[in-house]
Every structure is written in C-alpha cells, then in structure tokens.
All heavy atoms as atom14 arrays in JSON, in Angstrom:
{
  "sequence": "EQLNLTDDLNQAVTDADILIFAIPSAFLQTELEKLTVPISDKIIFSA",
  "atom14_mask": [
    [1, 1, 1, 1, 1, 1, 1, 1, 1, 0, 0, 0, 0, 0],
    [1, 1, 1, 1, 1, 1, 1, 1, 1, 0, 0, 0, 0, 0],
    [1, 1, 1, 1, 1, 1, 1, 1, 0, 0, 0, 0, 0, 0],
    [1, 1, 1, 1, 1, 1, 1, 1, 0, 0, 0, 0, 0, 0],
    [1, 1, 1, 1, 1, 1, 1, 1, 0, 0, 0, 0, 0, 0],
    [1, 1, 1, 1, 1, 1, 1, 0, 0, 0, 0, 0, 0, 0],
    [1, 1, 1, 1, 1, 1, 1, 1, 0, 0, 0, 0, 0, 0],
    [1, 1, 1, 1, 1, 1, 1, 1, 0, 0, 0, 0, 0, 0],
    [1, 1, 1, 1, 1, 1, 1, 1, 0, 0, 0, 0, 0, 0],
    [1, 1, 1, 1, 1, 1, 1, 1, 0, 0, 0, 0, 0, 0],
    [1, 1, 1, 1, 1, 1, 1, 1, 1, 0, 0, 0, 0, 0],
    [1, 1, 1, 1, 1, 0, 0, 0, 0, 0, 0, 0, 0, 0],
    [1, 1, 1, 1, 1, 1, 1, 0, 0, 0, 0, 0, 0, 0],
    [1, 1, 1, 1, 1, 1, 1, 0, 0, 0, 0, 0, 0, 0],
    [1, 1, 1, 1, 1, 1, 1, 1, 0, 0, 0, 0, 0, 0],
    [1, 1, 1, 1, 1, 0, 0, 0, 0, 0, 0, 0, 0, 0],
    [1, 1, 1, 1, 1, 1, 1, 1, 0, 0, 0, 0, 0, 0],
    [1, 1, 1, 1, 1, 1, 1, 1, 0, 0, 0, 0, 0, 0],
    [1, 1, 1, 1, 1, 1, 1, 1, 0, 0, 0, 0, 0, 0],
    [1, 1, 1, 1, 1, 1, 1, 1, 0, 0, 0, 0, 0, 0],
    [1, 1, 1, 1, 1, 1, 1, 1, 1, 1, 1, 0, 0, 0],
    [1, 1, 1, 1, 1, 0, 0, 0, 0, 0, 0, 0, 0, 0],
    [1, 1, 1, 1, 1, 1, 1, 1, 0, 0, 0, 0, 0, 0],
    [1, 1, 1, 1, 1, 1, 1, 0, 0, 0, 0, 0, 0, 0],
    [1, 1, 1, 1, 1, 1, 0, 0, 0, 0, 0, 0, 0, 0],
    [1, 1, 1, 1, 1, 0, 0, 0, 0, 0, 0, 0, 0, 0],
    [1, 1, 1, 1, 1, 1, 1, 1, 1, 1, 1, 0, 0, 0],
    [1, 1, 1, 1, 1, 1, 1, 1, 0, 0, 0, 0, 0, 0],
    [1, 1, 1, 1, 1, 1, 1, 1, 1, 0, 0, 0, 0, 0],
    [1, 1, 1, 1, 1, 1, 1, 0, 0, 0, 0, 0, 0, 0],
    [1, 1, 1, 1, 1, 1, 1, 1, 1, 0, 0, 0, 0, 0],
    [1, 1, 1, 1, 1, 1, 1, 1, 0, 0, 0, 0, 0, 0],
    [1, 1, 1, 1, 1, 1, 1, 1, 1, 0, 0, 0, 0, 0],
    [1, 1, 1, 1, 1, 1, 1, 1, 1, 0, 0, 0, 0, 0],
    [1, 1, 1, 1, 1, 1, 1, 1, 0, 0, 0, 0, 0, 0],
    [1, 1, 1, 1, 1, 1, 1, 0, 0, 0, 0, 0, 0, 0],
    [1, 1, 1, 1, 1, 1, 1, 0, 0, 0, 0, 0, 0, 0],
    [1, 1, 1, 1, 1, 1, 1, 0, 0, 0, 0, 0, 0, 0],
    [1, 1, 1, 1, 1, 1, 1, 1, 0, 0, 0, 0, 0, 0],
    [1, 1, 1, 1, 1, 1, 0, 0, 0, 0, 0, 0, 0, 0],
    [1, 1, 1, 1, 1, 1, 1, 1, 0, 0, 0, 0, 0, 0],
    [1, 1, 1, 1, 1, 1, 1, 1, 1, 0, 0, 0, 0, 0],
    [1, 1, 1, 1, 1, 1, 1, 1, 0, 0, 0, 0, 0, 0],
    [1, 1, 1, 1, 1, 1, 1, 1, 0, 0, 0, 0, 0, 0],
    [1, 1, 1, 1, 1, 1, 1, 1, 1, 1, 1, 0, 0, 0],
    [1, 1, 1, 1, 1, 1, 0, 0, 0, 0, 0, 0, 0, 0],
    [1, 1, 1, 1, 1, 0, 0, 0, 0, 0, 0, 0, 0, 0]
  ],
  "atom14_positions": [
    [[16.24, -131.82, 55.08], [16.03, -130.37, 55.1], [17.32, -129.7, 55.63], [17.62, -128.51, 55.4], [14.89, -129.92, 56.03], [13.48, -130.38, 55.48], [13.22, -129.61, 54.17], [13.48, -128.42, 54.09], [12.69, -130.32, 53.26], [0.0, 0.0, 0.0], [0.0, 0.0, 0.0], [0.0, 0.0, 0.0], [0.0, 0.0, 0.0], [0.0, 0.0, 0.0]],
    [[18.14, -130.46, 56.39], [19.48, -129.95, 56.88], [20.59, -130.04, 55.86], [21.6, -129.43, 56.06], [19.89, -130.79, 58.12], [19.15, -130.44, 59.39], [19.74, -131.18, 60.61], [19.4, -132.3, 60.78], [20.64, -130.49, 61.24], [0.0, 0.0, 0.0], [0.0, 0.0, 0.0], [0.0, 0.0, 0.0], [0.0, 0.0, 0.0], [0.0, 0.0, 0.0]],
    [[20.36, -130.75, 54.8], [21.46, -131.04, 53.83], [21.3, -130.17, 52.53], [20.2, -130.1, 51.92], [21.42, -132.5, 53.42], [21.49, -133.53, 54.59], [21.45, -134.91, 53.97], [22.82, -133.32, 55.35], [0.0, 0.0, 0.0], [0.0, 0.0, 0.0], [0.0, 0.0, 0.0], [0.0, 0.0, 0.0], [0.0, 0.0, 0.0], [0.0, 0.0, 0.0]],
    [[22.42, -129.64, 52.11], [22.56, -128.97, 50.81], [23.38, -129.98, 49.98], [24.6, -129.88, 49.87], [23.26, -127.62, 50.89], [22.33, -126.64, 51.44], [21.18, -126.58, 51.23], [22.96, -125.61, 52.16], [0.0, 0.0, 0.0], [0.0, 0.0, 0.0], [0.0, 0.0, 0.0], [0.0, 0.0, 0.0], [0.0, 0.0, 0.0], [0.0, 0.0, 0.0]],
    [[22.7, -130.94, 49.42], [23.38, -132.0, 48.64], [23.63, -131.49, 47.13], [22.76, -130.85, 46.59], [22.5, -133.2, 48.54], [22.4, -134.05, 49.82], [21.08, -134.87, 49.85], [23.64, -135.04, 49.91], [0.0, 0.0, 0.0], [0.0, 0.0, 0.0], [0.0, 0.0, 0.0], [0.0, 0.0, 0.0], [0.0, 0.0, 0.0], [0.0, 0.0, 0.0]],
    [[24.84, -131.78, 46.68], [25.16, -131.39, 45.27], [26.24, -132.31, 44.77], [27.1, -132.8, 45.46], [25.6, -129.93, 45.23], [25.89, -129.57, 43.84], [26.85, -129.7, 46.08], [0.0, 0.0, 0.0], [0.0, 0.0, 0.0], [0.0, 0.0, 0.0], [0.0, 0.0, 0.0], [0.0, 0.0, 0.0], [0.0, 0.0, 0.0], [0.0, 0.0, 0.0]],
    [[26.21, -132.49, 43.46], [27.32, -133.17, 42.74], [28.14, -132.14, 41.94], [28.97, -132.54, 41.11], [26.8, -134.25, 41.77], [25.9, -133.71, 40.7], [25.48, -132.56, 40.79], [25.59, -134.46, 39.75], [0.0, 0.0, 0.0], [0.0, 0.0, 0.0], [0.0, 0.0, 0.0], [0.0, 0.0, 0.0], [0.0, 0.0, 0.0], [0.0, 0.0, 0.0]],
    [[27.96, -130.86, 42.24], [28.74, -129.75, 41.66], [29.75, -129.27, 42.66], [29.47, -128.58, 43.59], [27.75, -128.65, 41.21], [28.45, -127.52, 40.55], [29.66, -127.35, 40.72], [27.81, -126.73, 39.8], [0.0, 0.0, 0.0], [0.0, 0.0, 0.0], [0.0, 0.0, 0.0], [0.0, 0.0, 0.0], [0.0, 0.0, 0.0], [0.0, 0.0, 0.0]],
    [[31.01, -129.71, 42.45], [32.1, -129.38, 43.37], [32.2, -127.87, 43.52], [32.37, -127.36, 44.69], [33.42, -129.92, 42.86], [34.67, -129.69, 43.71], [34.64, -130.58, 44.89], [35.89, -129.92, 42.87], [0.0, 0.0, 0.0], [0.0, 0.0, 0.0], [0.0, 0.0, 0.0], [0.0, 0.0, 0.0], [0.0, 0.0, 0.0], [0.0, 0.0, 0.0]],
    [[32.15, -127.1, 42.45], [32.37, -125.69, 42.55], [31.2, -124.96, 43.34], [31.44, -124.07, 44.03], [32.45, -125.09, 41.17], [33.73, -125.53, 40.47], [34.8, -125.12, 40.82], [33.59, -126.42, 39.55], [0.0, 0.0, 0.0], [0.0, 0.0, 0.0], [0.0, 0.0, 0.0], [0.0, 0.0, 0.0], [0.0, 0.0, 0.0], [0.0, 0.0, 0.0]],
    [[30.0, -125.47, 43.19], [28.88, -124.96, 43.92], [29.02, -125.16, 45.42], [28.79, -124.34, 46.22], [27.52, -125.58, 43.39], [26.31, -124.91, 44.05], [26.19, -123.47, 43.64], [26.17, -123.13, 42.45], [26.01, -122.57, 44.58], [0.0, 0.0, 0.0], [0.0, 0.0, 0.0], [0.0, 0.0, 0.0], [0.0, 0.0, 0.0], [0.0, 0.0, 0.0]],
    [[29.45, -126.39, 45.79], [29.73, -126.71, 47.17], [30.8, -125.85, 47.79], [30.66, -125.35, 48.93], [30.12, -128.19, 47.27], [0.0, 0.0, 0.0], [0.0, 0.0, 0.0], [0.0, 0.0, 0.0], [0.0, 0.0, 0.0], [0.0, 0.0, 0.0], [0.0, 0.0, 0.0], [0.0, 0.0, 0.0], [0.0, 0.0, 0.0], [0.0, 0.0, 0.0]],
    [[31.85, -125.59, 47.05], [32.92, -124.74, 47.5], [32.44, -123.3, 47.72], [32.68, -122.62, 48.7], [34.12, -124.77, 46.55], [35.21, -123.66, 46.85], [34.82, -126.14, 46.55], [0.0, 0.0, 0.0], [0.0, 0.0, 0.0], [0.0, 0.0, 0.0], [0.0, 0.0, 0.0], [0.0, 0.0, 0.0], [0.0, 0.0, 0.0], [0.0, 0.0, 0.0]],
    [[31.69, -122.8, 46.71], [31.18, -121.42, 46.73], [30.27, -121.2, 47.89], [30.32, -120.1, 48.58], [30.47, -121.09, 45.42], [31.39, -121.25, 44.31], [29.98, -119.65, 45.45], [0.0, 0.0, 0.0], [0.0, 0.0, 0.0], [0.0, 0.0, 0.0], [0.0, 0.0, 0.0], [0.0, 0.0, 0.0], [0.0, 0.0, 0.0], [0.0, 0.0, 0.0]],
    [[29.49, -122.16, 48.23], [28.44, -121.92, 49.27], [28.93, -122.08, 50.72], [28.15, -121.86, 51.67], [27.26, -122.94, 49.03], [26.46, -122.62, 47.79], [26.59, -121.5, 47.27], [25.74, -123.58, 47.34], [0.0, 0.0, 0.0], [0.0, 0.0, 0.0], [0.0, 0.0, 0.0], [0.0, 0.0, 0.0], [0.0, 0.0, 0.0], [0.0, 0.0, 0.0]],
    [[30.2, -122.51, 50.93], [30.67, -122.86, 52.23], [31.94, -122.03, 52.6], [32.64, -121.5, 51.7], [30.9, -124.29, 52.36], [0.0, 0.0, 0.0], [0.0, 0.0, 0.0], [0.0, 0.0, 0.0], [0.0, 0.0, 0.0], [0.0, 0.0, 0.0], [0.0, 0.0, 0.0], [0.0, 0.0, 0.0], [0.0, 0.0, 0.0], [0.0, 0.0, 0.0]],
    [[32.26, -121.96, 53.87], [33.47, -121.24, 54.31], [34.51, -122.27, 54.86], [35.72, -122.01, 54.68], [33.04, -120.31, 55.49], [31.95, -119.35, 55.0], [32.21, -118.51, 54.12], [30.9, -119.38, 55.61], [0.0, 0.0, 0.0], [0.0, 0.0, 0.0], [0.0, 0.0, 0.0], [0.0, 0.0, 0.0], [0.0, 0.0, 0.0], [0.0, 0.0, 0.0]],
    [[33.98, -123.27, 55.51], [34.87, -124.37, 55.99], [34.66, -125.55, 55.22], [33.52, -126.2, 55.21], [34.67, -124.58, 57.51], [34.9, -123.36, 58.32], [35.5, -125.77, 58.04], [34.56, -123.48, 59.79], [0.0, 0.0, 0.0], [0.0, 0.0, 0.0], [0.0, 0.0, 0.0], [0.0, 0.0, 0.0], [0.0, 0.0, 0.0], [0.0, 0.0, 0.0]],
    [[35.63, -126.1, 54.52], [35.57, -127.26, 53.63], [36.24, -128.44, 54.31], [37.43, -128.37, 54.64], [36.19, -126.96, 52.32], [35.91, -125.59, 51.65], [36.66, -125.5, 50.29], [34.44, -125.38, 51.45], [0.0, 0.0, 0.0], [0.0, 0.0, 0.0], [0.0, 0.0, 0.0], [0.0, 0.0, 0.0], [0.0, 0.0, 0.0], [0.0, 0.0, 0.0]],
    [[35.5, -129.5, 54.55], [36.04, -130.69, 55.14], [36.14, -131.8, 54.05], [35.06, -132.21, 53.53], [35.22, -131.18, 56.36], [35.18, -130.12, 57.38], [35.75, -132.46, 56.89], [34.27, -130.49, 58.59], [0.0, 0.0, 0.0], [0.0, 0.0, 0.0], [0.0, 0.0, 0.0], [0.0, 0.0, 0.0], [0.0, 0.0, 0.0], [0.0, 0.0, 0.0]],
    [[37.37, -132.2, 53.78], [37.58, -133.15, 52.75], [37.71, -134.6, 53.35], [38.57, -134.82, 54.18], [38.79, -132.86, 51.86], [38.49, -131.73, 50.92], [38.75, -130.37, 51.39], [38.12, -131.96, 49.62], [38.51, -129.29, 50.52], [37.85, -130.91, 48.77], [37.99, -129.55, 49.21], [0.0, 0.0, 0.0], [0.0, 0.0, 0.0], [0.0, 0.0, 0.0]],
    [[36.9, -135.51, 52.85], [36.9, -136.94, 53.29], [36.95, -137.81, 52.08], [36.27, -138.86, 52.02], [35.74, -137.2, 54.21], [0.0, 0.0, 0.0], [0.0, 0.0, 0.0], [0.0, 0.0, 0.0], [0.0, 0.0, 0.0], [0.0, 0.0, 0.0], [0.0, 0.0, 0.0], [0.0, 0.0, 0.0], [0.0, 0.0, 0.0], [0.0, 0.0, 0.0]],
    [[37.62, -137.38, 51.01], [37.78, -138.21, 49.77], [39.07, -138.99, 49.93], [40.11, -138.47, 50.4], [37.88, -137.2, 48.54], [36.59, -136.47, 48.37], [38.19, -138.02, 47.25], [36.68, -135.31, 47.45], [0.0, 0.0, 0.0], [0.0, 0.0, 0.0], [0.0, 0.0, 0.0], [0.0, 0.0, 0.0], [0.0, 0.0, 0.0], [0.0, 0.0, 0.0]],
    [[39.11, -140.27, 49.58], [40.31, -141.02, 49.68], [41.49, -140.31, 48.93], [41.32, -139.73, 47.91], [40.01, -142.38, 48.93], [38.59, -142.49, 49.11], [37.96, -141.1, 49.09], [0.0, 0.0, 0.0], [0.0, 0.0, 0.0], [0.0, 0.0, 0.0], [0.0, 0.0, 0.0], [0.0, 0.0, 0.0], [0.0, 0.0, 0.0], [0.0, 0.0, 0.0]],
    [[42.65, -140.37, 49.61], [43.76, -139.54, 49.08], [44.17, -139.89, 47.71], [44.59, -139.02, 46.93], [44.98, -139.69, 50.02], [45.34, -141.04, 50.07], [0.0, 0.0, 0.0], [0.0, 0.0, 0.0], [0.0, 0.0, 0.0], [0.0, 0.0, 0.0], [0.0, 0.0, 0.0], [0.0, 0.0, 0.0], [0.0, 0.0, 0.0], [0.0, 0.0, 0.0]],
    [[43.97, -141.13, 47.26], [44.36, -141.54, 45.95], [43.52, -140.84, 44.82], [43.93, -140.81, 43.7], [44.18, -143.04, 45.8], [0.0, 0.0, 0.0], [0.0, 0.0, 0.0], [0.0, 0.0, 0.0], [0.0, 0.0, 0.0], [0.0, 0.0, 0.0], [0.0, 0.0, 0.0], [0.0, 0.0, 0.0], [0.0, 0.0, 0.0], [0.0, 0.0, 0.0]],
    [[42.3, -140.38, 45.24], [41.39, -139.77, 44.25], [41.16, -138.31, 44.43], [40.36, -137.68, 43.76], [40.07, -140.52, 44.31], [40.17, -141.99, 44.29], [39.66, -142.78, 45.29], [40.86, -142.69, 43.23], [39.79, -144.15, 45.32], [40.92, -144.03, 43.21], [40.48, -144.81, 44.28], [0.0, 0.0, 0.0], [0.0, 0.0, 0.0], [0.0, 0.0, 0.0]],
    [[41.84, -137.7, 45.48], [41.59, -136.33, 45.85], [41.9, -135.39, 44.71], [41.09, -134.55, 44.32], [42.4, -135.94, 47.1], [42.31, -134.51, 47.5], [40.87, -134.16, 47.94], [43.31, -134.18, 48.64], [0.0, 0.0, 0.0], [0.0, 0.0, 0.0], [0.0, 0.0, 0.0], [0.0, 0.0, 0.0], [0.0, 0.0, 0.0], [0.0, 0.0, 0.0]],
    [[43.09, -135.52, 44.1], [43.52, -134.53, 43.11], [42.65, -134.69, 41.84], [42.28, -133.66, 41.21], [44.98, -134.78, 42.7], [45.54, -133.76, 41.71], [45.32, -132.31, 42.14], [45.37, -132.0, 43.37], [45.11, -131.43, 41.26], [0.0, 0.0, 0.0], [0.0, 0.0, 0.0], [0.0, 0.0, 0.0], [0.0, 0.0, 0.0], [0.0, 0.0, 0.0]],
    [[42.17, -135.82, 41.55], [41.27, -136.0, 40.38], [39.98, -135.21, 40.58], [39.49, -134.54, 39.65], [40.91, -137.5, 40.16], [42.13, -138.24, 39.92], [39.95, -137.65, 38.99], [0.0, 0.0, 0.0], [0.0, 0.0, 0.0], [0.0, 0.0, 0.0], [0.0, 0.0, 0.0], [0.0, 0.0, 0.0], [0.0, 0.0, 0.0], [0.0, 0.0, 0.0]],
    [[39.47, -135.23, 41.84], [38.32, -134.45, 42.14], [38.58, -132.94, 42.12], [37.85, -132.17, 41.63], [37.74, -134.84, 43.46], [36.97, -136.19, 43.51], [35.81, -136.23, 42.57], [34.87, -135.41, 42.79], [35.79, -137.03, 41.71], [0.0, 0.0, 0.0], [0.0, 0.0, 0.0], [0.0, 0.0, 0.0], [0.0, 0.0, 0.0], [0.0, 0.0, 0.0]],
    [[39.77, -132.56, 42.67], [40.06, -131.16, 42.77], [40.4, -130.58, 41.41], [40.28, -129.31, 41.2], [41.31, -130.97, 43.6], [41.1, -131.26, 45.14], [42.41, -131.13, 45.89], [40.06, -130.35, 45.74], [0.0, 0.0, 0.0], [0.0, 0.0, 0.0], [0.0, 0.0, 0.0], [0.0, 0.0, 0.0], [0.0, 0.0, 0.0], [0.0, 0.0, 0.0]],
    [[40.69, -131.36, 40.39], [40.87, -130.83, 39.03], [39.59, -130.27, 38.44], [39.66, -129.55, 37.44], [41.44, -131.95, 38.11], [42.88, -132.31, 38.43], [43.43, -133.49, 37.69], [42.61, -134.15, 37.0], [44.58, -133.84, 37.89], [0.0, 0.0, 0.0], [0.0, 0.0, 0.0], [0.0, 0.0, 0.0], [0.0, 0.0, 0.0], [0.0, 0.0, 0.0]],
    [[38.41, -130.55, 39.08], [37.21, -130.01, 38.58], [36.98, -128.53, 39.05], [36.06, -127.86, 38.56], [36.05, -130.87, 39.13], [36.0, -132.31, 38.72], [34.94, -133.04, 39.41], [34.95, -134.58, 39.11], [33.9, -135.32, 39.81], [0.0, 0.0, 0.0], [0.0, 0.0, 0.0], [0.0, 0.0, 0.0], [0.0, 0.0, 0.0], [0.0, 0.0, 0.0]],
    [[37.83, -128.11, 39.94], [37.74, -126.74, 40.5], [37.9, -125.64, 39.43], [38.84, -125.71, 38.64], [38.74, -126.47, 41.59], [38.43, -126.98, 43.02], [39.66, -126.88, 43.9], [37.24, -126.31, 43.57], [0.0, 0.0, 0.0], [0.0, 0.0, 0.0], [0.0, 0.0, 0.0], [0.0, 0.0, 0.0], [0.0, 0.0, 0.0], [0.0, 0.0, 0.0]],
    [[36.96, -124.75, 39.33], [37.09, -123.55, 38.49], [36.94, -122.29, 39.34], [37.03, -121.17, 38.84], [36.04, -123.57, 37.44], [34.72, -123.61, 37.96], [36.23, -124.75, 36.47], [0.0, 0.0, 0.0], [0.0, 0.0, 0.0], [0.0, 0.0, 0.0], [0.0, 0.0, 0.0], [0.0, 0.0, 0.0], [0.0, 0.0, 0.0], [0.0, 0.0, 0.0]],
    [[36.68, -122.41, 40.62], [36.56, -121.26, 41.55], [37.71, -121.3, 42.49], [38.28, -122.39, 42.79], [35.22, -121.34, 42.29], [34.07, -121.18, 41.31], [35.08, -122.59, 43.16], [0.0, 0.0, 0.0], [0.0, 0.0, 0.0], [0.0, 0.0, 0.0], [0.0, 0.0, 0.0], [0.0, 0.0, 0.0], [0.0, 0.0, 0.0], [0.0, 0.0, 0.0]],
    [[38.15, -120.16, 42.99], [39.32, -120.14, 43.95], [38.95, -120.67, 45.3], [37.83, -120.6, 45.75], [39.61, -118.67, 44.03], [38.36, -117.94, 43.71], [37.69, -118.79, 42.69], [0.0, 0.0, 0.0], [0.0, 0.0, 0.0], [0.0, 0.0, 0.0], [0.0, 0.0, 0.0], [0.0, 0.0, 0.0], [0.0, 0.0, 0.0], [0.0, 0.0, 0.0]],
    [[39.94, -121.31, 45.93], [39.72, -121.79, 47.31], [40.67, -121.21, 48.24], [40.78, -121.59, 49.45], [39.73, -123.32, 47.35], [41.15, -123.84, 46.93], [38.63, -124.0, 46.61], [41.31, -125.29, 47.2], [0.0, 0.0, 0.0], [0.0, 0.0, 0.0], [0.0, 0.0, 0.0], [0.0, 0.0, 0.0], [0.0, 0.0, 0.0], [0.0, 0.0, 0.0]],
    [[41.47, -120.24, 47.83], [42.55, -119.64, 48.66], [42.01, -118.93, 49.85], [42.74, -118.73, 50.83], [43.45, -118.71, 47.8], [42.66, -117.72, 47.21], [0.0, 0.0, 0.0], [0.0, 0.0, 0.0], [0.0, 0.0, 0.0], [0.0, 0.0, 0.0], [0.0, 0.0, 0.0], [0.0, 0.0, 0.0], [0.0, 0.0, 0.0], [0.0, 0.0, 0.0]],
    [[40.78, -118.51, 49.8], [40.17, -117.79, 50.91], [39.34, -118.67, 51.82], [38.72, -118.21, 52.8], [39.31, -116.66, 50.45], [38.16, -117.13, 49.57], [38.25, -118.21, 49.0], [37.13, -116.43, 49.46], [0.0, 0.0, 0.0], [0.0, 0.0, 0.0], [0.0, 0.0, 0.0], [0.0, 0.0, 0.0], [0.0, 0.0, 0.0], [0.0, 0.0, 0.0]],
    [[39.38, -120.0, 51.57], [38.56, -120.9, 52.4], [39.44, -121.55, 53.49], [40.66, -121.53, 53.48], [38.04, -122.11, 51.44], [37.26, -121.67, 50.26], [35.95, -121.02, 50.74], [35.08, -120.62, 49.47], [33.85, -120.04, 49.82], [0.0, 0.0, 0.0], [0.0, 0.0, 0.0], [0.0, 0.0, 0.0], [0.0, 0.0, 0.0], [0.0, 0.0, 0.0]],
    [[38.71, -122.06, 54.49], [39.37, -122.83, 55.57], [39.18, -124.32, 55.23], [38.1, -124.78, 55.0], [38.71, -122.53, 56.93], [38.89, -121.06, 57.25], [39.31, -123.39, 58.03], [38.05, -120.56, 58.43], [0.0, 0.0, 0.0], [0.0, 0.0, 0.0], [0.0, 0.0, 0.0], [0.0, 0.0, 0.0], [0.0, 0.0, 0.0], [0.0, 0.0, 0.0]],
    [[40.33, -125.0, 55.16], [40.34, -126.37, 54.71], [40.71, -127.26, 55.88], [41.72, -127.15, 56.53], [41.39, -126.61, 53.59], [41.19, -125.6, 52.46], [41.34, -128.04, 53.1], [40.04, -125.76, 51.66], [0.0, 0.0, 0.0], [0.0, 0.0, 0.0], [0.0, 0.0, 0.0], [0.0, 0.0, 0.0], [0.0, 0.0, 0.0], [0.0, 0.0, 0.0]],
    [[39.81, -128.31, 56.11], [40.13, -129.35, 57.08], [40.15, -130.69, 56.38], [39.22, -131.02, 55.63], [39.12, -129.34, 58.27], [39.51, -128.42, 59.39], [39.29, -127.06, 59.29], [40.16, -128.94, 60.53], [39.64, -126.18, 60.29], [40.48, -128.08, 61.55], [40.38, -126.74, 61.41], [0.0, 0.0, 0.0], [0.0, 0.0, 0.0], [0.0, 0.0, 0.0]],
    [[41.24, -131.43, 56.61], [41.34, -132.77, 56.04], [40.92, -133.84, 57.01], [41.42, -133.89, 58.12], [42.8, -132.98, 55.63], [43.02, -134.36, 55.3], [0.0, 0.0, 0.0], [0.0, 0.0, 0.0], [0.0, 0.0, 0.0], [0.0, 0.0, 0.0], [0.0, 0.0, 0.0], [0.0, 0.0, 0.0], [0.0, 0.0, 0.0], [0.0, 0.0, 0.0]],
    [[40.07, -134.7, 56.57], [39.69, -135.87, 57.34], [40.18, -137.17, 56.54], [39.65, -138.22, 56.66], [38.23, -135.97, 57.51], [0.0, 0.0, 0.0], [0.0, 0.0, 0.0], [0.0, 0.0, 0.0], [0.0, 0.0, 0.0], [0.0, 0.0, 0.0], [0.0, 0.0, 0.0], [0.0, 0.0, 0.0], [0.0, 0.0, 0.0], [0.0, 0.0, 0.0]]
  ]
}
C-alpha cells in the first residue's frame, strides 16, 4: 500500500519531485532514452 510501482518511466517521473536513481551506470542512459517528459524541474539524487 506504500508503493507506487510502475514500469512506465515517464509516469514515475511525472508523479514525483525527488528522483533517486539506482540504475547501474552502464545502463542508465539506455533507460533515460525512454524519457518523453521534461526532468529539468526535478530534484535528482544519484545512488
């Protein structure tokens, strides 16, 4: 009940203000290429 689980990257970005990325660096850009919504107004934390 505490989790908003999704496999839609853009939905996850849209619904949040602070984005914490814990994707292996070798695969990060491949995932980010799925973005169709802006993230310039988000707070980004890298783990």
